[in-house]
C-alpha atoms as a PDB file:
ATOM      1  CA  MET A   1     103.653 115.149 103.548  1.00  0.00           C
ATOM      2  CA  PRO A   2     101.371 117.877 102.173  1.00  0.00           C
ATOM      3  CA  ASP A   3     100.842 121.150 104.010  1.00  0.00           C
ATOM      4  CA  THR A   4      99.439 120.313 107.448  1.00  0.00           C
ATOM      5  CA  GLN A   5      97.961 123.800 107.941  1.00  0.00           C
ATOM      6  CA  VAL A   6      95.282 123.559 105.229  1.00  0.00           C
ATOM      7  CA  ASN A   7      92.075 122.126 106.721  1.00  0.00           C
ATOM      8  CA  GLU A   8      89.383 121.163 104.235  1.00  0.00           C
ATOM      9  CA  CYS A   9      85.804 120.909 105.518  1.00  0.00           C
ATOM     10  CA  LEU A  10      83.830 117.728 105.017  1.00  0.00           C
ATOM     11  CA  SER A  11      80.970 118.071 102.585  1.00  0.00           C
ATOM     12  CA  CYS A  12      77.514 118.467 104.118  1.00  0.00           C
ATOM     13  CA  VAL A  13      76.631 114.939 102.989  1.00  0.00           C
ATOM     14  CA  ASP A  14      79.785 113.447 104.533  1.00  0.00           C
ATOM     15  CA  ALA A  15      79.149 115.320 107.790  1.00  0.00           C
ATOM     16  CA  PHE A  16      75.535 114.084 107.779  1.00  0.00           C
ATOM     17  CA  PHE A  17      76.664 110.451 107.521  1.00  0.00           C
ATOM     18  CA  LEU A  18      79.304 111.026 110.201  1.00  0.00           C
ATOM     19  CA  TYR A  19      76.668 112.375 112.598  1.00  0.00           C
ATOM     20  CA  LEU A  20      74.300 109.480 111.799  1.00  0.00           C
ATOM     21  CA  GLU A  21      76.918 106.886 112.764  1.00  0.00           C
ATOM     22  CA  GLN A  22      76.328 105.220 116.119  1.00  0.00           C
ATOM     23  CA  PRO A  23      77.763 102.271 118.040  1.00  0.00           C
ATOM     24  CA  GLY A  24      76.285  99.127 116.529  1.00  0.00           C
ATOM     25  CA  ALA A  25      75.406 100.982 113.307  1.00  0.00           C
ATOM     26  CA  PRO A  26      78.671 102.047 111.687  1.00  0.00           C
ATOM     27  CA  LEU A  27      78.419 103.773 108.318  1.00  0.00           C
ATOM     28  CA  ASN A  28      82.001 103.167 107.313  1.00  0.00           C
ATOM     29  CA  VAL A  29      83.296 101.287 104.303  1.00  0.00           C
ATOM     30  CA  ALA A  30      85.729  98.443 104.802  1.00  0.00           C
ATOM     31  CA  SER A  31      87.209  95.771 102.617  1.00  0.00           C
ATOM     32  CA  ILE A  32      88.791  92.392 102.905  1.00  0.00           C
ATOM     33  CA  SER A  33      91.188  90.768 100.471  1.00  0.00           C
ATOM     34  CA  ILE A  34      91.962  87.090 100.145  1.00  0.00           C
ATOM     35  CA  PHE A  35      95.247  86.112  98.547  1.00  0.00           C
ATOM     36  CA  GLU A  36      96.662  82.747  97.636  1.00  0.00           C
ATOM     37  CA  GLY A  37     100.023  81.959  99.158  1.00  0.00           C
ATOM     38  CA  VAL A  38     101.805  83.702 101.984  1.00  0.00           C
ATOM     39  CA  ILE A  39     102.361  87.458 102.107  1.00  0.00           C
ATOM     40  CA  PRO A  40     104.231  88.551 105.243  1.00  0.00           C
ATOM     41  CA  LEU A  41     102.381  91.287 107.147  1.00  0.00           C
ATOM     42  CA  ALA A  42     105.443  93.556 107.216  1.00  0.00           C
ATOM     43  CA  GLU A  43     105.857  93.279 103.438  1.00  0.00           C
ATOM     44  CA  CYS A  44     102.155  93.971 102.857  1.00  0.00           C
ATOM     45  CA  SER A  45     102.212  96.984 105.187  1.00  0.00           C
ATOM     46  CA  LYS A  46     105.347  98.379 103.555  1.00  0.00           C
ATOM     47  CA  TYR A  47     103.792  98.112 100.091  1.00  0.00           C
ATOM     48  CA  ILE A  48     100.550  99.823 101.128  1.00  0.00           C
ATOM     49  CA  GLU A  49     102.448 102.541 102.985  1.00  0.00           C
ATOM     50  CA  SER A  50     104.501 103.236  99.840  1.00  0.00           C
ATOM     51  CA  LYS A  51     101.266 104.084  97.987  1.00  0.00           C
ATOM     52  CA  LEU A  52      99.890 106.514 100.605  1.00  0.00           C
ATOM     53  CA  PRO A  53     101.507 109.652  99.101  1.00  0.00           C
ATOM     54  CA  MET A  54      99.252 109.089  96.071  1.00  0.00           C
ATOM     55  CA  MET A  55      96.167 109.081  98.351  1.00  0.00           C
ATOM     56  CA  PRO A  56      96.771 111.855 100.897  1.00  0.00           C
ATOM     57  CA  ARG A  57      93.213 111.655 102.278  1.00  0.00           C
ATOM     58  CA  LEU A  58      94.192 108.335 103.877  1.00  0.00           C
ATOM     59  CA  LEU A  59      96.769 110.205 105.959  1.00  0.00           C
ATOM     60  CA  GLN A  60      94.112 112.497 107.413  1.00  0.00           C
ATOM     61  CA  ARG A  61      91.620 112.303 110.254  1.00  0.00           C
ATOM     62  CA  VAL A  62      88.310 114.024 110.872  1.00  0.00           C
ATOM     63  CA  VAL A  63      88.374 116.768 113.508  1.00  0.00           C
ATOM     64  CA  PRO A  64      85.109 118.043 114.997  1.00  0.00           C
ATOM     65  CA  PRO A  65      84.424 121.780 114.755  1.00  0.00           C
ATOM     66  CA  PRO A  66      85.017 123.959 117.826  1.00  0.00           C
ATOM     67  CA  PHE A  67      81.971 123.988 120.106  1.00  0.00           C
ATOM     68  CA  GLY A  68      80.172 121.725 117.595  1.00  0.00           C
ATOM     69  CA  ILE A  69      79.483 124.717 115.343  1.00  0.00           C
ATOM     70  CA  GLY A  70      80.188 124.268 111.642  1.00  0.00           C
ATOM     71  CA  LEU A  71      81.446 121.333 109.660  1.00  0.00           C
ATOM     72  CA  PRO A  72      84.178 118.914 110.743  1.00  0.00           C
ATOM     73  CA  THR A  73      87.492 119.301 108.936  1.00  0.00           C
ATOM     74  CA  TRP A  74      90.082 116.968 107.490  1.00  0.00           C
ATOM     75  CA  GLN A  75      93.486 117.399 109.122  1.00  0.00           C
ATOM     76  CA  PHE A  76      96.704 115.513 108.525  1.00  0.00           C
ATOM     77  CA  ASP A  77      97.326 113.059 111.325  1.00  0.00           C
ATOM     78  CA  THR A  78     100.802 113.896 112.590  1.00  0.00           C
ATOM     79  CA  ASN A  79     100.787 110.631 114.579  1.00  0.00           C
ATOM     80  CA  PHE A  80      99.787 108.426 111.624  1.00  0.00           C
ATOM     81  CA  ASN A  81     101.183 104.913 111.882  1.00  0.00           C
ATOM     82  CA  ILE A  82     100.356 102.219 109.335  1.00  0.00           C
ATOM     83  CA  VAL A  83     100.391  99.502 112.017  1.00  0.00           C
ATOM     84  CA  ASN A  84      97.185 100.996 113.424  1.00  0.00           C
ATOM     85  CA  HIS A  85      95.369 100.313 110.144  1.00  0.00           C
ATOM     86  CA  ILE A  86      96.500  96.937 108.827  1.00  0.00           C
ATOM     87  CA  HIS A  87      95.881  93.814 110.844  1.00  0.00           C
ATOM     88  CA  GLU A  88      96.496  90.131 110.390  1.00  0.00           C
ATOM     89  CA  LEU A  89      94.354  87.490 112.007  1.00  0.00           C
ATOM     90  CA  SER A  90      93.987  83.755 111.754  1.00  0.00           C
ATOM     91  CA  LEU A  91      90.761  81.815 111.646  1.00  0.00           C
ATOM     92  CA  LYS A  92      90.480  78.618 113.665  1.00  0.00           C
ATOM     93  CA  ARG A  93      88.593  76.609 111.048  1.00  0.00           C
ATOM     94  CA  GLY A  94      89.066  78.788 107.977  1.00  0.00           C
ATOM     95  CA  THR A  95      85.470  78.473 106.798  1.00  0.00           C
ATOM     96  CA  GLU A  96      83.651  81.147 104.842  1.00  0.00           C
ATOM     97  CA  MET A  97      81.078  81.476 107.647  1.00  0.00           C
ATOM     98  CA  GLU A  98      83.831  82.046 110.212  1.00  0.00           C
ATOM     99  CA  LEU A  99      85.362  84.705 107.961  1.00  0.00           C
ATOM    100  CA  LYS A 100      82.014  86.489 107.534  1.00  0.00           C
ATOM    101  CA  THR A 101      81.374  86.393 111.277  1.00  0.00           C
ATOM    102  CA  CYS A 102      84.855  87.752 112.005  1.00  0.00           C
ATOM    103  CA  VAL A 103      84.669  90.690 109.609  1.00  0.00           C
ATOM    104  CA  SER A 104      81.096  91.618 110.446  1.00  0.00           C
END
Protein backbone atom coordinates (compact mmCIF):
# COMPACT_ATOMS: atom_id res chain seq x y z
CA MET A 1 0.00 0.00 0.00
CA PRO A 2 1.30 3.50 -0.77
CA ASP A 3 2.49 5.83 1.98
CA THR A 4 -0.42 6.35 4.37
CA GLN A 5 1.01 9.61 5.76
CA VAL A 6 0.61 11.69 2.58
CA ASN A 7 -2.83 13.35 2.56
CA GLU A 8 -3.85 15.00 -0.69
CA CYS A 9 -6.56 17.67 -0.55
CA LEU A 10 -9.65 17.36 -2.69
CA SER A 11 -9.87 19.92 -5.45
CA CYS A 12 -12.16 22.88 -4.80
CA VAL A 13 -14.62 21.51 -7.36
CA ASP A 14 -14.66 18.04 -5.76
CA ALA A 15 -15.16 19.58 -2.31
CA PHE A 16 -17.99 21.73 -3.69
CA PHE A 17 -19.82 18.66 -5.01
CA LEU A 18 -19.19 16.81 -1.75
CA TYR A 19 -20.77 19.66 0.24
CA LEU A 20 -23.74 19.84 -2.16
CA GLU A 21 -24.58 16.16 -1.63
CA GLN A 22 -27.59 15.54 0.58
CA PRO A 23 -29.76 12.57 1.54
CA GLY A 24 -32.10 11.91 -1.37
CA ALA A 25 -29.81 13.82 -3.76
CA PRO A 26 -26.55 11.89 -3.98
CA LEU A 27 -23.94 13.23 -6.39
CA ASN A 28 -21.96 10.03 -6.62
CA VAL A 29 -21.22 7.95 -9.68
CA ALA A 30 -22.12 4.29 -9.70
CA SER A 31 -22.21 1.57 -12.29
CA ILE A 32 -23.86 -1.73 -12.92
CA SER A 33 -22.60 -4.55 -15.10
CA ILE A 34 -24.62 -7.37 -16.59
CA PHE A 35 -22.80 -10.53 -17.55
CA GLU A 36 -23.99 -13.66 -19.28
CA GLY A 37 -23.40 -16.86 -17.38
CA VAL A 38 -22.48 -17.32 -13.76
CA ILE A 39 -19.58 -15.52 -12.09
CA PRO A 40 -19.22 -16.45 -8.41
CA LEU A 41 -19.16 -13.39 -6.14
CA ALA A 42 -15.92 -14.48 -4.45
CA GLU A 43 -14.18 -14.87 -7.82
CA CYS A 44 -15.44 -11.48 -9.01
CA SER A 45 -14.34 -9.78 -5.78
CA LYS A 46 -10.91 -11.41 -5.92
CA TYR A 47 -10.38 -10.22 -9.49
CA ILE A 48 -11.41 -6.63 -8.74
CA GLU A 49 -9.30 -6.58 -5.58
CA SER A 50 -6.26 -7.71 -7.60
CA LYS A 51 -6.59 -4.56 -9.74
CA LEU A 52 -6.81 -2.08 -6.83
CA PRO A 53 -3.03 -1.45 -6.58
CA MET A 54 -3.28 0.11 -10.06
CA MET A 55 -6.01 2.50 -8.81
CA PRO A 56 -4.87 3.61 -5.34
CA ARG A 57 -7.58 6.29 -5.07
CA LEU A 58 -10.11 3.47 -4.66
CA LEU A 59 -8.33 2.47 -1.45
CA GLN A 60 -8.82 5.93 0.04
CA ARG A 61 -11.60 7.72 1.88
CA VAL A 62 -12.48 11.39 2.25
CA VAL A 63 -11.70 12.90 5.65
CA PRO A 64 -13.25 16.23 6.64
CA PRO A 65 -10.88 19.03 7.67
CA PRO A 66 -10.41 19.77 11.38
CA PHE A 67 -13.09 22.16 12.65
CA GLY A 68 -14.53 22.32 9.11
CA ILE A 69 -11.77 24.72 8.06
CA GLY A 70 -10.03 24.00 4.77
CA LEU A 71 -10.51 21.29 2.21
CA PRO A 72 -11.22 17.63 2.95
CA THR A 73 -8.32 15.26 2.31
CA TRP A 74 -7.90 11.83 0.79
CA GLN A 75 -6.48 9.32 3.27
CA PHE A 76 -5.79 5.63 2.83
CA ASP A 77 -8.45 3.58 4.55
CA THR A 78 -6.54 1.27 6.87
CA ASN A 79 -9.75 -0.74 7.40
CA PHE A 80 -10.51 -1.17 3.68
CA ASN A 81 -12.34 -4.40 2.93
CA ILE A 82 -13.54 -5.28 -0.57
CA VAL A 83 -16.65 -7.02 0.81
CA ASN A 84 -17.98 -3.60 1.82
CA HIS A 85 -17.97 -2.46 -1.82
CA ILE A 86 -19.14 -5.35 -3.98
CA HIS A 87 -22.59 -6.78 -3.53
CA GLU A 88 -24.65 -9.47 -5.17
CA LEU A 89 -28.41 -9.39 -5.27
CA SER A 90 -31.13 -11.32 -7.00
CA LEU A 91 -34.21 -9.90 -8.64
CA LYS A 92 -37.53 -11.65 -8.12
CA ARG A 93 -38.79 -11.27 -11.68
CA GLY A 94 -35.61 -10.25 -13.48
CA THR A 95 -37.25 -7.53 -15.55
CA GLU A 96 -35.47 -4.42 -16.74
CA MET A 97 -37.91 -2.24 -14.76
CA GLU A 98 -37.17 -4.18 -11.57
CA LEU A 99 -33.44 -3.74 -12.18
CA LYS A 100 -33.82 0.02 -12.73
CA THR A 101 -35.93 0.36 -9.59
CA CYS A 102 -33.40 -1.63 -7.55
CA VAL A 103 -30.35 0.35 -8.62
CA SER A 104 -32.02 3.74 -8.42
